Amino acid sequence: MASPFAQYLGTNYCPTDAEVLEIKNLIVRPIRQLLSLDEEIAQLRKSIEKLEESREILSSYVAEHSALISPIRRIPEDVLSEIFFACLPTHRNCVMSASEAPVLLGRICSLWRAVSLATPRLWASLHIVEPRNNAANKLIQRFDATKMWLGRSGRCPLSISIHWENFNVIPLYRHAEQAEMLPSPPDLLMNELIPFAGRWKHVKFVTSRAAFQVLAQIAVTDVPMLESIVVYLQNGHHSTNHNADWTQYGIFNGPCVSSFSTLAQEFKDSIPLRWSLLTELVLTGPHWESSLDDEKALQTLSRCPQLRICELSINIPSFTPLQHPPVELLQLDSLKLELGDMNSLFLTRLFVPNLRNFVLQGPVNSLPPFLASCERLETFDVGISQFDKASLSEVFCALSPQTMHHLALRDHGWPQGMVSSYPFDDDILAMFAPGRDSQCCLPSLQTLTVVAGHEISDRALQQFVVSRMTMAGTGGYGAPSSLKRIRVQFYRPMKLDIKAGLQLFLDEGLEIETRYMPLPPTPSPWMGLPDAPHPARPPPTGYPVQW
């Protein structure tokens, strides 16, 4: 709309008294038009509201009838049961929570509840933890729920894990008028589980020693289906026996037990396992607490010819010469070691020609010859803080160039500054980059993980990726494999964004993940000043005190 005051609109111009009157007269008619438009808009809104109400009624009618013919209602119950089973977690046991299957499935409708309750295998796994509120009534509810859960599992093999760290003895009474106190919470839980021992397949106990002693009453014939046992015991406040004799525990001598895990400090070679049947043995924990030395570790492995997965924590070697003959494990596929001393001779007596995955923590002098004997090794994860550049180069040269696909280099918690220099730097990284006239180290490498990026420069990492991917793209004789994933954690701020020069390879599917230490915060003009006066702070000197 045209206005005689157009040149002043949107400015700080101050009109005269005569102009004020003129402006008031000028907007009288537009104000009336605004009121008329507001009334028309209100009427249209009422019409829209009526239409929306009618639409809502029709929409509800259609939705309710469409639900009757929805495909999910027509699925046969056996198919629905399979869908329910696919909803269960695959990497752990089920938990007592209404936020996930199988409990959640029973809260959708009566049909789903009936199907879930009629499908025993939905209830064949359970993880049991102590309730946050360990009042007596809550504990009894947890035990009753456990018994009801397992009762729904029919005759299915059971996978059960227990994590119970509160070992305080709490007086428990099932009824207020009951005079006799029930056993302590962990003991009571174990007693609730024993009737189901005949269907145990996988069990894990993280509890007190006193609670685990309840299982001593289980005989060998009581666990015919048991395949794997995990036992991590802790000292409760009321534990009286810190070194229980596991030789009398029939649970370890089950006819099908093929996997055993416990803390290395708990391990005794007198445990009545069927050693010749073991395919997995895990004796973990800090090496300085381990009961294993080189001799005892080799003796243990010599009893397990079928071993496929092994994890050991070995303490400082004894001062006596190592007498044990070499141990050959032809089936061993994965090995994880934590060694307490670089003079350990354990690897010099171990022959595992079919090893594919190897994780090593701790220093060891005999590593290159051992790696050279592992001609099928595909994955190597090693802590490098205690190597120097020369020994680290020997390690890489000893790895199988044809089969080594995945390499991970870590500092295993050594903070920056605790060692004079880190061995993995630009020079070592260049060993993996092919030159014009020479082949690179580990030409079959596909993934590289470095969690010790103290001495690697951004530029060197970028050049490594470019040279490796460029040579792989030629496809010529001796060309290295294409990289698939690079992960590097730097202990410094970023100096160069390497991804900008690698976009071509990123588009082809290469995954690169780099992590840097954040930059220090920029000081602000308000740094050091409070946002508000401190309520208890006295007034500055020289100001009168107000009463």
Protein backbone atom coordinates (compact mmCIF):
# COMPACT_ATOMS: atom_id res chain seq x y z
CA MET A 1 0.00 0.00 0.00
CA ALA A 2 1.24 3.46 -0.91
CA SER A 3 2.05 5.79 1.98
CA PRO A 4 3.21 9.44 2.18
CA PHE A 5 5.52 8.31 4.99
CA ALA A 6 7.17 5.48 3.03
CA GLN A 7 10.59 7.12 3.23
CA TYR A 8 10.43 7.14 7.04
CA LEU A 9 9.19 3.58 7.59
CA GLY A 10 11.70 1.38 9.41
CA THR A 11 13.78 4.37 10.54
CA ASN A 12 14.14 6.33 13.79
CA TYR A 13 12.33 9.39 12.34
CA CYS A 14 10.28 11.34 14.92
CA PRO A 15 7.08 12.84 13.33
CA THR A 16 5.72 16.29 14.19
CA ASP A 17 2.39 16.82 15.98
CA ALA A 18 0.63 17.49 12.67
CA GLU A 19 2.15 14.34 11.16
CA VAL A 20 1.01 12.30 14.15
CA LEU A 21 -2.62 13.32 13.49
CA GLU A 22 -2.19 12.56 9.80
CA ILE A 23 -0.78 9.10 10.57
CA LYS A 24 -3.68 8.30 12.94
CA ASN A 25 -6.21 9.24 10.25
CA LEU A 26 -4.22 7.25 7.71
CA ILE A 27 -4.51 3.92 9.59
CA VAL A 28 -8.20 4.14 10.57
CA ARG A 29 -9.41 2.30 7.49
CA PRO A 30 -6.67 -0.40 7.53
CA ILE A 31 -7.52 -1.15 11.17
CA ARG A 32 -11.17 -1.74 10.22
CA GLN A 33 -10.04 -4.01 7.40
CA LEU A 34 -7.87 -5.99 9.85
CA LEU A 35 -10.83 -6.52 12.17
CA SER A 36 -12.92 -7.72 9.25
CA LEU A 37 -10.21 -10.14 8.15
CA ASP A 38 -9.83 -11.47 11.70
CA GLU A 39 -13.55 -12.23 11.85
CA GLU A 40 -13.41 -14.02 8.50
CA ILE A 41 -10.37 -16.04 9.60
CA ALA A 42 -12.14 -17.05 12.81
CA GLN A 43 -15.15 -18.29 10.84
CA LEU A 44 -12.90 -20.28 8.51
CA ARG A 45 -11.10 -21.81 11.49
CA LYS A 46 -14.41 -22.97 12.94
CA SER A 47 -15.23 -24.58 9.61
CA ILE A 48 -11.81 -26.25 9.52
CA GLU A 49 -12.25 -27.53 13.08
CA LYS A 50 -15.58 -29.10 12.13
CA LEU A 51 -13.96 -30.73 9.10
CA GLU A 52 -11.07 -32.01 11.22
CA GLU A 53 -13.51 -33.45 13.75
CA SER A 54 -15.37 -35.26 10.97
CA ARG A 55 -12.09 -36.49 9.56
CA GLU A 56 -10.98 -37.80 12.95
CA ILE A 57 -14.18 -39.80 13.30
CA LEU A 58 -13.76 -41.33 9.84
CA SER A 59 -10.05 -41.96 10.40
CA SER A 60 -10.72 -43.81 13.66
CA TYR A 61 -13.41 -45.87 11.97
CA VAL A 62 -11.07 -46.87 9.15
CA ALA A 63 -8.10 -47.53 11.46
CA GLU A 64 -10.09 -49.75 13.83
CA HIS A 65 -11.45 -51.85 10.98
CA SER A 66 -8.10 -51.96 9.18
CA ALA A 67 -6.52 -53.32 12.36
CA LEU A 68 -8.83 -56.31 12.15
CA ILE A 69 -7.33 -57.31 8.80
CA SER A 70 -3.69 -56.38 9.57
CA PRO A 71 -1.21 -59.11 8.49
CA ILE A 72 0.28 -59.48 11.99
CA ARG A 73 -3.08 -60.78 13.28
CA ARG A 74 -3.16 -63.49 10.65
CA ILE A 75 0.34 -64.83 11.31
CA PRO A 76 0.20 -68.43 12.57
CA GLU A 77 1.26 -68.84 16.16
CA ASP A 78 4.26 -71.01 15.26
CA VAL A 79 5.56 -68.27 12.94
CA LEU A 80 4.87 -65.65 15.62
CA SER A 81 6.88 -67.74 18.04
CA GLU A 82 9.84 -67.73 15.64
CA ILE A 83 9.60 -63.94 15.33
CA PHE A 84 9.59 -63.64 19.11
CA PHE A 85 12.68 -65.82 19.35
CA ALA A 86 14.47 -63.59 16.82
CA CYS A 87 13.80 -60.61 19.13
CA LEU A 88 15.96 -62.06 21.91
CA PRO A 89 19.48 -60.68 22.44
CA THR A 90 22.14 -62.85 20.82
CA HIS A 91 25.28 -61.60 22.61
CA ARG A 92 24.05 -61.97 26.19
CA ASN A 93 21.33 -63.48 28.34
CA CYS A 94 17.89 -61.94 28.71
CA VAL A 95 17.23 -59.59 31.61
CA MET A 96 14.21 -59.12 33.85
CA SER A 97 13.05 -55.92 32.20
CA ALA A 98 9.78 -54.85 30.62
CA SER A 99 11.73 -52.87 28.02
CA GLU A 100 12.94 -55.89 26.03
CA ALA A 101 11.94 -59.41 25.02
CA PRO A 102 10.58 -61.69 26.26
CA VAL A 103 8.79 -59.67 28.98
CA LEU A 104 7.93 -56.84 26.59
CA LEU A 105 6.28 -59.23 24.12
CA GLY A 106 3.81 -60.37 26.74
CA ARG A 107 2.57 -56.83 27.32
CA ILE A 108 1.31 -56.09 23.81
CA CYS A 109 -1.93 -58.07 23.78
CA SER A 110 -3.47 -61.20 25.26
CA LEU A 111 -2.58 -63.30 22.20
CA TRP A 112 1.07 -62.29 22.27
CA ARG A 113 1.20 -62.96 25.99
CA ALA A 114 -0.27 -66.43 25.49
CA VAL A 115 2.21 -67.20 22.69
CA SER A 116 5.20 -65.93 24.68
CA LEU A 117 4.24 -67.95 27.74
CA ALA A 118 3.70 -71.04 25.58
CA THR A 119 7.17 -70.77 23.98
CA PRO A 120 9.65 -72.26 26.47
CA ARG A 121 12.82 -71.31 24.59
CA LEU A 122 12.00 -67.61 25.08
CA TRP A 123 12.66 -68.16 28.77
CA ALA A 124 15.74 -70.37 28.43
CA SER A 125 18.25 -67.59 29.16
CA LEU A 126 18.37 -65.26 32.15
CA HIS A 127 20.73 -62.72 33.69
CA ILE A 128 20.18 -62.25 37.42
CA VAL A 129 21.42 -59.21 39.34
CA GLU A 130 20.74 -57.97 42.83
CA PRO A 131 17.93 -55.38 42.98
CA ARG A 132 18.88 -51.75 43.57
CA ASN A 133 16.76 -51.77 46.69
CA ASN A 134 18.00 -54.78 48.62
CA ALA A 135 15.20 -54.70 51.15
CA ALA A 136 14.00 -58.14 52.19
CA ASN A 137 10.72 -57.98 50.26
CA LYS A 138 12.52 -56.89 47.06
CA LEU A 139 15.01 -59.71 47.35
CA ILE A 140 12.30 -62.31 47.87
CA GLN A 141 10.42 -60.91 44.85
CA ARG A 142 13.58 -61.28 42.76
CA PHE A 143 14.02 -64.90 43.83
CA ASP A 144 10.37 -65.74 43.17
CA ALA A 145 10.58 -64.07 39.74
CA THR A 146 13.68 -66.13 38.94
CA LYS A 147 11.94 -69.35 39.84
CA MET A 148 8.85 -68.40 37.80
CA TRP A 149 10.99 -67.37 34.78
CA LEU A 150 12.91 -70.64 34.69
CA GLY A 151 9.71 -72.58 35.27
CA ARG A 152 8.41 -71.22 31.97
CA SER A 153 11.42 -72.65 30.10
CA GLY A 154 9.96 -76.14 29.95
CA ARG A 155 12.70 -78.66 29.20
CA CYS A 156 14.95 -76.32 27.22
CA PRO A 157 18.69 -76.11 27.99
CA LEU A 158 19.36 -73.07 30.17
CA SER A 159 21.88 -70.23 29.91
CA ILE A 160 22.14 -68.43 33.26
CA SER A 161 24.43 -65.63 34.44
CA ILE A 162 24.52 -64.20 37.96
CA HIS A 163 26.08 -60.90 39.00
CA TRP A 164 25.65 -60.46 42.74
CA GLU A 165 28.21 -58.21 44.44
CA ASN A 166 26.38 -57.25 47.63
CA PHE A 167 27.42 -59.86 50.16
CA ASN A 168 25.90 -58.34 53.28
CA VAL A 169 23.85 -60.79 55.29
CA ILE A 170 20.28 -59.46 55.45
CA PRO A 171 17.66 -61.20 57.59
CA LEU A 172 15.04 -62.51 55.16
CA TYR A 173 11.58 -63.69 56.13
CA ARG A 174 9.12 -64.89 53.53
CA HIS A 175 6.18 -63.94 55.77
CA ALA A 176 5.92 -61.43 58.58
CA GLU A 177 4.90 -64.12 61.07
CA GLN A 178 7.75 -66.42 60.03
CA ALA A 179 10.17 -66.86 62.90
CA GLU A 180 12.92 -68.77 61.10
CA MET A 181 15.36 -66.64 59.12
CA LEU A 182 16.02 -67.67 55.51
CA PRO A 183 19.58 -68.09 54.15
CA SER A 184 21.55 -65.04 53.05
CA PRO A 185 20.51 -63.59 49.65
CA PRO A 186 23.28 -65.15 47.48
CA ASP A 187 22.88 -68.53 49.18
CA LEU A 188 19.12 -68.42 48.73
CA LEU A 189 19.52 -67.58 45.05
CA MET A 190 21.83 -70.55 44.50
CA ASN A 191 19.36 -72.83 46.24
CA GLU A 192 16.63 -71.60 43.89
CA LEU A 193 18.79 -72.50 40.87
CA ILE A 194 19.94 -75.96 41.92
CA PRO A 195 16.64 -77.70 41.01
CA PHE A 196 17.25 -76.61 37.40
CA ALA A 197 20.86 -77.91 37.28
CA GLY A 198 19.85 -80.82 35.06
CA ARG A 199 19.15 -78.33 32.24
CA TRP A 200 22.10 -75.97 32.74
CA LYS A 201 24.00 -75.51 29.48
CA HIS A 202 25.92 -72.26 30.03
CA VAL A 203 26.40 -70.77 33.52
CA LYS A 204 28.29 -67.73 34.76
CA PHE A 205 28.71 -66.90 38.44
CA VAL A 206 30.00 -63.53 39.65
CA THR A 207 29.32 -63.81 43.36
CA SER A 208 30.85 -64.53 46.75
CA ARG A 209 32.83 -67.61 47.66
CA ALA A 210 30.33 -68.50 50.35
CA ALA A 211 27.47 -68.44 47.85
CA PHE A 212 29.38 -70.57 45.36
CA GLN A 213 30.02 -73.19 48.04
CA VAL A 214 26.31 -73.97 47.94
CA LEU A 215 26.96 -75.64 44.56
CA ALA A 216 29.23 -78.23 46.19
CA GLN A 217 26.13 -80.39 46.70
CA ILE A 218 25.75 -80.80 42.92
CA ALA A 219 26.96 -84.19 41.68
CA VAL A 220 28.40 -85.02 38.28
CA THR A 221 25.19 -86.74 37.28
CA ASP A 222 23.19 -83.58 38.08
CA VAL A 223 24.67 -81.57 35.17
CA PRO A 224 24.44 -83.80 32.07
CA MET A 225 23.91 -80.87 29.66
CA LEU A 226 26.43 -78.37 31.06
CA GLU A 227 28.92 -77.14 28.42
CA SER A 228 30.47 -73.91 29.72
CA ILE A 229 31.29 -72.59 33.20
CA VAL A 230 32.43 -69.08 34.14
CA VAL A 231 33.32 -68.50 37.81
CA TYR A 232 34.51 -65.13 39.16
CA LEU A 233 34.46 -65.17 42.95
CA GLN A 234 34.93 -62.26 45.32
CA ASN A 235 35.54 -62.12 49.03
CA GLY A 236 32.37 -61.23 50.89
CA HIS A 237 32.40 -59.58 54.30
CA HIS A 238 31.25 -62.81 55.94
CA SER A 239 33.24 -65.30 53.89
CA THR A 240 35.19 -67.72 56.07
CA ASN A 241 36.88 -69.85 53.40
CA HIS A 242 38.91 -67.91 50.86
CA ASN A 243 40.47 -71.01 49.30
CA ALA A 244 37.67 -73.45 48.70
CA ASP A 245 38.61 -76.93 47.54
CA TRP A 246 37.10 -77.19 44.07
CA THR A 247 38.17 -80.82 43.73
CA GLN A 248 34.91 -81.86 45.39
CA TYR A 249 32.68 -79.86 43.01
CA GLY A 250 30.89 -82.19 40.63
CA ILE A 251 29.79 -79.23 38.50
CA PHE A 252 33.28 -79.05 36.96
CA ASN A 253 33.31 -82.70 35.97
CA GLY A 254 30.18 -82.69 33.82
CA PRO A 255 30.40 -85.02 30.82
CA CYS A 256 29.89 -82.20 28.30
CA VAL A 257 31.91 -79.36 29.88
CA SER A 258 34.11 -77.97 27.10
CA SER A 259 34.59 -74.35 28.22
CA PHE A 260 35.94 -73.06 31.54
CA SER A 261 36.73 -69.50 32.66
CA THR A 262 37.92 -68.13 35.98
CA LEU A 263 40.43 -65.71 37.48
CA ALA A 264 44.01 -66.86 37.11
CA GLN A 265 44.58 -66.31 40.83
CA GLU A 266 41.81 -68.84 41.58
CA PHE A 267 43.06 -71.52 39.22
CA LYS A 268 44.31 -74.84 40.53
CA ASP A 269 45.29 -77.73 38.29
CA SER A 270 43.43 -80.05 40.65
CA ILE A 271 40.05 -78.78 39.42
CA PRO A 272 38.25 -81.94 38.21
CA LEU A 273 37.68 -80.79 34.65
CA ARG A 274 37.65 -83.24 31.76
CA TRP A 275 40.72 -81.58 30.30
CA SER A 276 40.83 -83.62 27.11
CA LEU A 277 37.37 -82.27 26.17
CA LEU A 278 38.11 -78.58 26.72
CA THR A 279 37.90 -76.38 23.64
CA GLU A 280 38.00 -73.05 25.52
CA LEU A 281 40.07 -72.11 28.57
CA VAL A 282 40.14 -68.58 30.02
CA LEU A 283 42.33 -67.80 33.05
CA THR A 284 42.29 -64.02 33.20
CA GLY A 285 43.05 -61.15 35.57
CA PRO A 286 46.11 -59.03 36.41
CA HIS A 287 49.30 -60.97 35.81
CA TRP A 288 50.75 -59.98 39.19
CA GLU A 289 47.88 -61.83 40.90
CA SER A 290 48.04 -64.90 38.69
CA SER A 291 48.90 -68.31 40.10
CA LEU A 292 50.36 -69.32 36.73
CA ASP A 293 54.01 -69.25 35.80
CA ASP A 294 55.52 -70.58 32.57
CA GLU A 295 55.83 -74.14 33.88
CA LYS A 296 52.30 -74.36 35.26
CA ALA A 297 50.79 -72.76 32.16
CA LEU A 298 52.50 -75.28 29.87
CA GLN A 299 51.46 -78.17 32.10
CA THR A 300 47.86 -77.00 31.91
CA LEU A 301 47.85 -76.60 28.12
CA SER A 302 49.44 -80.01 27.62
CA ARG A 303 46.29 -81.53 29.13
CA CYS A 304 44.02 -79.77 26.59
CA PRO A 305 44.79 -81.16 23.11
CA GLN A 306 41.41 -80.02 21.69
CA LEU A 307 41.78 -76.39 22.77
CA ARG A 308 40.53 -73.82 20.25
CA ILE A 309 40.28 -70.64 22.33
CA CYS A 310 42.71 -69.79 25.13
CA GLU A 311 43.30 -66.75 27.34
CA LEU A 312 46.04 -66.82 29.98
CA SER A 313 47.53 -64.37 32.47
CA ILE A 314 51.04 -65.51 33.39
CA ASN A 315 53.00 -64.16 36.33
CA ILE A 316 56.72 -63.50 36.60
CA PRO A 317 58.63 -66.71 35.77
CA SER A 318 60.10 -68.71 38.60
CA PHE A 319 63.87 -68.71 39.08
CA THR A 320 64.13 -72.44 38.35
CA PRO A 321 64.97 -73.40 34.75
CA LEU A 322 62.00 -74.23 32.56
CA GLN A 323 61.87 -78.01 32.26
CA HIS A 324 58.59 -78.60 30.44
CA PRO A 325 58.86 -79.99 26.90
CA PRO A 326 57.24 -78.16 23.98
CA VAL A 327 53.44 -78.20 23.82
CA GLU A 328 51.71 -78.63 20.47
CA LEU A 329 48.10 -77.44 20.07
CA LEU A 330 47.03 -78.15 16.51
CA GLN A 331 43.43 -76.98 17.03
CA LEU A 332 44.18 -73.63 18.70
CA ASP A 333 42.58 -70.78 16.76
CA SER A 334 42.63 -67.81 19.17
CA LEU A 335 45.17 -66.98 21.87
CA LYS A 336 45.28 -64.05 24.31
CA LEU A 337 48.23 -63.65 26.66
CA GLU A 338 49.15 -61.24 29.42
CA LEU A 339 52.78 -61.78 30.36
CA GLY A 340 54.39 -60.33 33.46
CA ASP A 341 58.03 -60.41 32.41
CA MET A 342 59.98 -59.99 29.19
CA ASN A 343 62.14 -63.01 30.09
CA SER A 344 59.19 -65.37 29.93
CA LEU A 345 60.00 -68.53 27.97
CA PHE A 346 56.39 -69.59 27.56
CA LEU A 347 56.24 -68.85 23.83
CA THR A 348 59.46 -70.76 23.17
CA ARG A 349 57.73 -74.00 24.22
CA LEU A 350 54.40 -73.42 22.48
CA PHE A 351 53.73 -74.62 18.92
CA VAL A 352 50.40 -73.52 17.43
CA PRO A 353 50.71 -73.75 13.62
CA ASN A 354 47.01 -73.05 12.96
CA LEU A 355 46.70 -69.97 15.16
CA ARG A 356 44.64 -67.25 13.46
CA ASN A 357 44.07 -64.64 16.20
CA PHE A 358 46.68 -63.51 18.72
CA VAL A 359 46.42 -60.82 21.42
CA LEU A 360 49.52 -60.04 23.48
CA GLN A 361 49.88 -57.77 26.50
CA GLY A 362 53.24 -57.36 28.15
CA PRO A 363 56.83 -57.61 26.95
CA VAL A 364 58.50 -60.77 25.72
CA ASN A 365 61.88 -61.34 24.08
CA SER A 366 60.94 -64.53 22.26
CA LEU A 367 58.15 -63.04 20.17
CA PRO A 368 59.61 -62.97 16.60
CA PRO A 369 60.43 -66.72 16.45
CA PHE A 370 56.98 -67.56 17.76
CA LEU A 371 55.27 -65.33 15.19
CA ALA A 372 57.35 -66.85 12.40
CA SER A 373 55.97 -70.28 13.31
CA CYS A 374 52.36 -69.04 13.06
CA GLU A 375 52.04 -69.23 9.30
CA ARG A 376 48.24 -68.77 9.30
CA LEU A 377 48.02 -65.79 11.64
CA GLU A 378 45.40 -63.29 10.45
CA THR A 379 44.88 -60.95 13.42
CA PHE A 380 47.58 -59.61 15.74
CA ASP A 381 46.80 -57.23 18.63
CA VAL A 382 49.85 -56.18 20.64
CA GLY A 383 50.92 -53.62 23.22
CA ILE A 384 54.00 -51.83 21.90
CA SER A 385 55.00 -49.45 24.69
CA GLN A 386 57.87 -51.62 25.89
CA PHE A 387 59.36 -52.30 22.44
CA ASP A 388 62.04 -50.22 20.80
CA LYS A 389 62.06 -49.47 17.07
CA ALA A 390 64.46 -52.28 16.23
CA SER A 391 62.56 -54.99 18.09
CA LEU A 392 59.23 -53.73 16.76
CA SER A 393 60.57 -53.93 13.21
CA GLU A 394 61.61 -57.53 13.86
CA VAL A 395 58.11 -58.33 15.06
CA PHE A 396 56.50 -56.96 11.91
CA CYS A 397 58.96 -58.77 9.67
CA ALA A 398 58.18 -62.05 11.46
CA LEU A 399 54.46 -61.84 10.71
CA SER A 400 53.11 -63.88 7.83
CA PRO A 401 52.92 -61.57 4.79
CA GLN A 402 50.35 -63.75 3.01
CA THR A 403 47.78 -64.13 5.80
CA MET A 404 48.13 -61.11 8.11
CA HIS A 405 44.98 -59.04 7.52
CA HIS A 406 44.32 -57.18 10.79
CA LEU A 407 46.91 -55.40 12.92
CA ALA A 408 46.22 -53.50 16.17
CA LEU A 409 48.93 -51.60 18.06
CA ARG A 410 48.17 -50.32 21.55
CA ASP A 411 49.99 -48.78 24.48
CA HIS A 412 47.80 -50.65 27.02
CA GLY A 413 47.33 -47.75 29.35
CA TRP A 414 50.86 -46.34 29.46
CA PRO A 415 50.38 -42.55 29.84
CA GLN A 416 52.36 -40.21 27.69
CA GLY A 417 55.62 -39.31 29.39
CA MET A 418 56.17 -42.63 31.21
CA VAL A 419 58.45 -43.84 28.43
CA SER A 420 61.19 -41.86 26.74
CA SER A 421 59.92 -42.49 23.22
CA TYR A 422 57.26 -44.51 21.49
CA PRO A 423 58.52 -46.97 18.90
CA PHE A 424 55.72 -46.61 16.37
CA ASP A 425 56.58 -43.45 14.44
CA ASP A 426 56.65 -42.29 10.83
CA ASP A 427 59.63 -44.52 10.01
CA ILE A 428 57.87 -47.67 11.23
CA LEU A 429 54.66 -46.68 9.46
CA ALA A 430 56.63 -46.32 6.23
CA MET A 431 57.41 -50.05 6.39
CA PHE A 432 53.78 -50.71 5.44
CA ALA A 433 53.87 -48.30 2.49
CA PRO A 434 55.05 -49.76 -0.85
CA GLY A 435 57.89 -48.07 -2.66
CA ARG A 436 58.49 -47.81 -6.38
CA ASP A 437 61.13 -50.53 -6.44
CA SER A 438 60.38 -52.49 -3.27
CA GLN A 439 57.47 -54.33 -1.74
CA CYS A 440 55.94 -53.25 1.53
CA CYS A 441 55.75 -55.12 4.80
CA LEU A 442 52.49 -57.05 5.31
CA PRO A 443 51.08 -56.68 1.77
CA SER A 444 47.84 -58.48 2.76
CA LEU A 445 46.99 -55.98 5.51
CA GLN A 446 43.39 -54.77 5.36
CA THR A 447 42.75 -53.06 8.71
CA LEU A 448 45.14 -51.08 10.90
CA THR A 449 44.30 -49.89 14.41
CA VAL A 450 46.75 -47.67 16.29
CA VAL A 451 45.96 -46.63 19.86
CA ALA A 452 49.45 -45.30 20.44
CA GLY A 453 49.62 -42.40 18.03
CA HIS A 454 52.19 -40.39 19.95
CA GLU A 455 54.82 -40.08 17.26
CA ILE A 456 52.82 -40.46 14.03
CA SER A 457 52.33 -37.30 11.99
CA ASP A 458 49.15 -36.57 10.08
CA ARG A 459 51.13 -36.15 6.87
CA ALA A 460 52.82 -39.56 7.22
CA LEU A 461 49.50 -41.28 7.83
CA GLN A 462 48.00 -39.63 4.77
CA GLN A 463 50.95 -40.59 2.58
CA PHE A 464 50.77 -44.18 3.83
CA VAL A 465 47.12 -44.49 2.84
CA VAL A 466 47.67 -42.84 -0.55
CA SER A 467 50.65 -45.01 -1.50
CA ARG A 468 49.00 -48.18 -0.29
CA MET A 469 45.68 -47.58 -2.04
CA THR A 470 47.32 -46.32 -5.23
CA MET A 471 49.50 -49.41 -5.58
CA ALA A 472 46.57 -51.69 -4.72
CA GLY A 473 44.58 -50.08 -7.52
CA THR A 474 47.16 -51.05 -10.13
CA GLY A 475 46.49 -54.75 -9.55
CA GLY A 476 49.98 -55.63 -10.73
CA TYR A 477 52.22 -58.43 -9.49
CA GLY A 478 53.20 -57.86 -5.88
CA ALA A 479 50.64 -55.11 -5.40
CA PRO A 480 49.32 -54.91 -1.81
CA SER A 481 45.72 -55.53 -0.83
CA SER A 482 43.36 -52.58 -0.59
CA LEU A 483 42.92 -51.14 2.87
CA LYS A 484 39.43 -51.44 4.31
CA ARG A 485 39.63 -49.68 7.67
CA ILE A 486 42.10 -47.35 9.42
CA ARG A 487 41.64 -46.30 13.04
CA VAL A 488 44.17 -44.08 14.82
CA GLN A 489 43.94 -42.42 18.21
CA PHE A 490 46.36 -39.51 18.56
CA TYR A 491 47.50 -38.08 21.88
CA ARG A 492 47.73 -34.58 20.46
CA PRO A 493 45.54 -32.04 18.66
CA MET A 494 44.94 -32.31 14.91
CA LYS A 495 47.51 -30.62 12.69
CA LEU A 496 46.22 -31.73 9.27
CA ASP A 497 42.82 -32.96 8.16
CA ILE A 498 43.92 -36.08 6.31
CA LYS A 499 40.44 -36.96 5.06
CA ALA A 500 40.45 -33.99 2.71
CA GLY A 501 43.18 -35.63 0.62
CA LEU A 502 41.68 -39.11 0.82
CA GLN A 503 38.17 -38.41 -0.42
CA LEU A 504 38.65 -40.54 -3.54
CA PHE A 505 39.41 -43.61 -1.43
CA LEU A 506 36.64 -42.81 1.04
CA ASP A 507 34.18 -42.79 -1.84
CA GLU A 508 35.44 -46.24 -2.83
CA GLY A 509 34.58 -47.65 0.61
CA LEU A 510 37.67 -47.03 2.75
CA GLU A 511 36.77 -46.35 6.40
CA ILE A 512 39.00 -43.93 8.31
CA GLU A 513 38.45 -42.98 11.95
CA THR A 514 40.85 -40.60 13.68
CA ARG A 515 40.59 -39.30 17.22
CA TYR A 516 42.58 -36.42 18.63
CA MET A 517 43.02 -34.84 22.01
CA PRO A 518 40.83 -31.73 22.22
CA LEU A 519 42.46 -28.31 22.02
CA PRO A 520 42.80 -26.43 25.32
CA PRO A 521 39.93 -24.01 25.94
CA THR A 522 40.37 -20.44 24.70
CA PRO A 523 40.56 -17.98 27.63
CA SER A 524 37.53 -15.70 27.82
CA PRO A 525 37.35 -12.13 29.21
CA TRP A 526 35.20 -13.51 32.07
CA MET A 527 37.58 -16.33 33.09
CA GLY A 528 38.05 -16.38 36.85
CA LEU A 529 35.03 -14.21 37.61
CA PRO A 530 31.98 -15.58 39.45
CA ASP A 531 28.57 -15.45 37.82
CA ALA A 532 26.99 -14.24 41.08
CA PRO A 533 28.19 -13.07 44.50
CA HIS A 534 29.05 -15.87 46.89
CA PRO A 535 26.43 -15.93 49.65
CA ALA A 536 28.95 -16.58 52.41
CA ARG A 537 31.66 -14.25 51.13
CA PRO A 538 32.39 -11.28 53.47
CA PRO A 539 32.21 -7.76 52.02
CA PRO A 540 35.44 -6.16 50.79
CA THR A 541 37.55 -4.37 53.37
CA GLY A 542 36.62 -0.70 53.78
CA TYR A 543 32.89 -1.12 53.12
CA PRO A 544 30.47 -0.68 56.01
CA VAL A 545 28.79 -3.84 57.24
CA GLN A 546 25.01 -3.77 56.92
CA TRP A 547 23.12 -5.13 59.89
